[in-house]
Amino acid sequence: MKEKDVISMLEDAMDLERDVLDPMDILEDMPEWDSLSKLSFLTIVKEKAGRTISVNDVATFVVVQDAVDYFKD
């Protein structure tokens, strides 16, 4: 999966505008990255990418790049 696609899914989950997130942004420092956005991310990934990701996997994401790396083909 392309970097921009993963970042777009994160932005959707956090209700952010497009092209706001940078790969080195620290997710836990962002107030938008709360429990609801994490659950939303799980749902968006399932709908848009057809993949299932666990809450435990999402909990390991420190920076945006961690999510990008998780979905590398």
N, C-alpha and C. Protein backbone atom coordinates (compact mmCIF):
# COMPACT_ATOMS: atom_id res chain seq x y z
N MET A 1 0.85 -1.17 0.00
CA MET A 1 0.00 0.00 0.00
C MET A 1 0.90 1.24 0.00
N LYS A 2 0.49 2.25 -0.72
CA LYS A 2 1.29 3.47 -0.83
C LYS A 2 1.23 4.30 0.44
N GLU A 3 2.32 5.01 0.69
CA GLU A 3 2.41 5.87 1.87
C GLU A 3 1.24 6.85 1.94
N LYS A 4 0.93 7.49 0.82
CA LYS A 4 -0.14 8.50 0.84
C LYS A 4 -1.49 7.89 1.18
N ASP A 5 -1.71 6.63 0.81
CA ASP A 5 -2.98 5.97 1.12
C ASP A 5 -3.12 5.70 2.62
N VAL A 6 -2.03 5.24 3.23
CA VAL A 6 -2.06 4.99 4.67
C VAL A 6 -2.24 6.30 5.43
N ILE A 7 -1.51 7.32 5.03
CA ILE A 7 -1.63 8.63 5.69
C ILE A 7 -3.03 9.19 5.52
N SER A 8 -3.62 9.01 4.36
CA SER A 8 -5.00 9.47 4.13
C SER A 8 -5.98 8.76 5.06
N MET A 9 -5.77 7.47 5.28
CA MET A 9 -6.65 6.73 6.20
C MET A 9 -6.49 7.24 7.62
N LEU A 10 -5.27 7.55 8.02
CA LEU A 10 -5.05 8.12 9.35
C LEU A 10 -5.73 9.48 9.47
N GLU A 11 -5.58 10.30 8.44
CA GLU A 11 -6.21 11.63 8.45
C GLU A 11 -7.73 11.51 8.51
N ASP A 12 -8.29 10.55 7.78
CA ASP A 12 -9.74 10.32 7.86
C ASP A 12 -10.16 9.91 9.26
N ALA A 13 -9.40 9.00 9.85
CA ALA A 13 -9.73 8.51 11.19
C ALA A 13 -9.68 9.62 12.23
N MET A 14 -8.76 10.57 12.04
CA MET A 14 -8.60 11.67 13.00
C MET A 14 -9.39 12.91 12.60
N ASP A 15 -10.14 12.80 11.52
CA ASP A 15 -10.93 13.94 11.05
C ASP A 15 -10.07 15.15 10.72
N LEU A 16 -8.95 14.90 10.05
CA LEU A 16 -8.03 15.97 9.67
C LEU A 16 -8.15 16.27 8.18
N GLU A 17 -7.71 17.46 7.81
CA GLU A 17 -7.64 17.82 6.40
C GLU A 17 -6.57 16.96 5.72
N ARG A 18 -6.62 16.91 4.41
CA ARG A 18 -5.61 16.16 3.64
C ARG A 18 -4.25 16.85 3.72
N ASP A 19 -3.23 16.03 3.65
CA ASP A 19 -1.84 16.49 3.62
C ASP A 19 -1.42 17.27 4.87
N VAL A 20 -2.01 16.92 6.00
CA VAL A 20 -1.65 17.55 7.27
C VAL A 20 -0.57 16.74 7.99
N LEU A 21 -0.68 15.42 7.90
CA LEU A 21 0.25 14.55 8.61
C LEU A 21 1.58 14.38 7.87
N ASP A 22 2.62 14.31 8.67
CA ASP A 22 3.96 14.05 8.17
C ASP A 22 4.38 12.68 8.71
N PRO A 23 5.16 11.92 7.97
CA PRO A 23 5.56 10.59 8.44
C PRO A 23 6.23 10.58 9.82
N MET A 24 6.86 11.67 10.20
CA MET A 24 7.54 11.69 11.50
C MET A 24 6.71 12.30 12.63
N ASP A 25 5.45 12.64 12.35
CA ASP A 25 4.57 13.14 13.41
C ASP A 25 4.36 12.06 14.46
N ILE A 26 4.45 12.44 15.72
CA ILE A 26 4.24 11.52 16.83
C ILE A 26 2.74 11.45 17.11
N LEU A 27 2.18 10.28 16.92
CA LEU A 27 0.74 10.13 17.03
C LEU A 27 0.20 10.45 18.42
N GLU A 28 0.86 9.96 19.45
CA GLU A 28 0.36 10.18 20.82
C GLU A 28 0.41 11.65 21.24
N ASP A 29 1.18 12.45 20.54
CA ASP A 29 1.23 13.89 20.84
C ASP A 29 0.06 14.65 20.22
N MET A 30 -0.70 13.96 19.39
CA MET A 30 -1.82 14.60 18.70
C MET A 30 -3.12 14.30 19.44
N PRO A 31 -3.83 15.34 19.89
CA PRO A 31 -5.09 15.10 20.62
C PRO A 31 -6.12 14.35 19.78
N GLU A 32 -6.00 14.46 18.46
CA GLU A 32 -6.96 13.77 17.57
C GLU A 32 -6.76 12.25 17.57
N TRP A 33 -5.59 11.78 18.00
CA TRP A 33 -5.29 10.34 18.00
C TRP A 33 -5.74 9.76 19.34
N ASP A 34 -7.06 9.65 19.49
CA ASP A 34 -7.64 9.13 20.72
C ASP A 34 -8.23 7.75 20.46
N SER A 35 -8.88 7.19 21.45
CA SER A 35 -9.41 5.83 21.32
C SER A 35 -10.45 5.73 20.19
N LEU A 36 -11.25 6.76 20.01
CA LEU A 36 -12.25 6.72 18.94
C LEU A 36 -11.60 6.76 17.56
N SER A 37 -10.57 7.56 17.41
CA SER A 37 -9.90 7.62 16.10
C SER A 37 -9.15 6.32 15.81
N LYS A 38 -8.64 5.67 16.84
CA LYS A 38 -7.98 4.38 16.65
C LYS A 38 -8.99 3.34 16.16
N LEU A 39 -10.16 3.31 16.78
CA LEU A 39 -11.21 2.39 16.32
C LEU A 39 -11.68 2.74 14.92
N SER A 40 -11.80 4.02 14.66
CA SER A 40 -12.18 4.48 13.32
C SER A 40 -11.15 4.03 12.29
N PHE A 41 -9.87 4.10 12.66
CA PHE A 41 -8.81 3.66 11.76
C PHE A 41 -8.97 2.18 11.42
N LEU A 42 -9.29 1.36 12.41
CA LEU A 42 -9.51 -0.07 12.16
C LEU A 42 -10.61 -0.28 11.13
N THR A 43 -11.69 0.47 11.27
CA THR A 43 -12.83 0.36 10.37
C THR A 43 -12.47 0.85 8.97
N ILE A 44 -11.80 1.96 8.88
CA ILE A 44 -11.41 2.53 7.58
C ILE A 44 -10.47 1.58 6.85
N VAL A 45 -9.52 0.99 7.58
CA VAL A 45 -8.60 0.03 6.96
C VAL A 45 -9.37 -1.15 6.38
N LYS A 46 -10.33 -1.64 7.13
CA LYS A 46 -11.15 -2.77 6.66
C LYS A 46 -11.93 -2.39 5.41
N GLU A 47 -12.55 -1.20 5.42
CA GLU A 47 -13.38 -0.76 4.30
C GLU A 47 -12.56 -0.41 3.06
N LYS A 48 -11.49 0.34 3.24
CA LYS A 48 -10.74 0.85 2.09
C LYS A 48 -9.65 -0.09 1.59
N ALA A 49 -9.05 -0.84 2.52
CA ALA A 49 -7.93 -1.70 2.13
C ALA A 49 -8.30 -3.18 2.15
N GLY A 50 -9.45 -3.49 2.73
CA GLY A 50 -9.86 -4.88 2.80
C GLY A 50 -8.98 -5.72 3.72
N ARG A 51 -8.31 -5.06 4.65
CA ARG A 51 -7.42 -5.76 5.57
C ARG A 51 -7.91 -5.57 6.99
N THR A 52 -7.57 -6.54 7.81
CA THR A 52 -7.91 -6.45 9.22
C THR A 52 -6.64 -6.16 10.00
N ILE A 53 -6.74 -5.23 10.92
CA ILE A 53 -5.61 -4.88 11.78
C ILE A 53 -6.12 -4.90 13.22
N SER A 54 -5.30 -5.35 14.12
CA SER A 54 -5.74 -5.47 15.52
C SER A 54 -5.46 -4.18 16.29
N VAL A 55 -6.17 -4.03 17.38
CA VAL A 55 -5.96 -2.89 18.27
C VAL A 55 -4.53 -2.94 18.81
N ASN A 56 -4.04 -4.13 19.08
CA ASN A 56 -2.67 -4.27 19.58
C ASN A 56 -1.64 -3.77 18.57
N ASP A 57 -1.89 -4.04 17.29
CA ASP A 57 -0.98 -3.56 16.25
C ASP A 57 -1.00 -2.04 16.19
N VAL A 58 -2.19 -1.46 16.24
CA VAL A 58 -2.32 0.00 16.19
C VAL A 58 -1.63 0.63 17.41
N ALA A 59 -1.69 -0.05 18.54
CA ALA A 59 -1.07 0.48 19.76
C ALA A 59 0.45 0.57 19.64
N THR A 60 1.03 -0.15 18.69
CA THR A 60 2.49 -0.10 18.52
C THR A 60 2.94 1.09 17.68
N PHE A 61 2.01 1.78 17.03
CA PHE A 61 2.36 2.91 16.18
C PHE A 61 2.75 4.11 17.06
N VAL A 62 3.99 4.54 16.91
CA VAL A 62 4.47 5.71 17.65
C VAL A 62 4.41 6.94 16.75
N VAL A 63 4.94 6.80 15.55
CA VAL A 63 4.89 7.89 14.57
C VAL A 63 4.08 7.41 13.37
N VAL A 64 3.67 8.35 12.55
CA VAL A 64 2.88 8.03 11.35
C VAL A 64 3.60 6.99 10.49
N GLN A 65 4.91 7.11 10.38
CA GLN A 65 5.69 6.19 9.56
C GLN A 65 5.53 4.73 10.01
N ASP A 66 5.27 4.51 11.28
CA ASP A 66 5.05 3.14 11.77
C ASP A 66 3.83 2.51 11.10
N ALA A 67 2.79 3.30 10.91
CA ALA A 67 1.60 2.80 10.22
C ALA A 67 1.91 2.54 8.76
N VAL A 68 2.65 3.43 8.14
CA VAL A 68 3.05 3.26 6.75
C VAL A 68 3.86 1.97 6.59
N ASP A 69 4.81 1.77 7.47
CA ASP A 69 5.65 0.57 7.41
C ASP A 69 4.84 -0.70 7.61
N TYR A 70 3.84 -0.65 8.48
CA TYR A 70 2.99 -1.81 8.75
C TYR A 70 2.30 -2.30 7.47
N PHE A 71 1.92 -1.35 6.62
CA PHE A 71 1.15 -1.70 5.42
C PHE A 71 1.99 -1.80 4.15
N LYS A 72 3.31 -1.76 4.28
CA LYS A 72 4.14 -1.91 3.08
C LYS A 72 3.88 -3.26 2.45
N ASP A 73 3.75 -3.24 1.13
CA ASP A 73 3.48 -4.49 0.40
C ASP A 73 4.71 -5.37 0.33
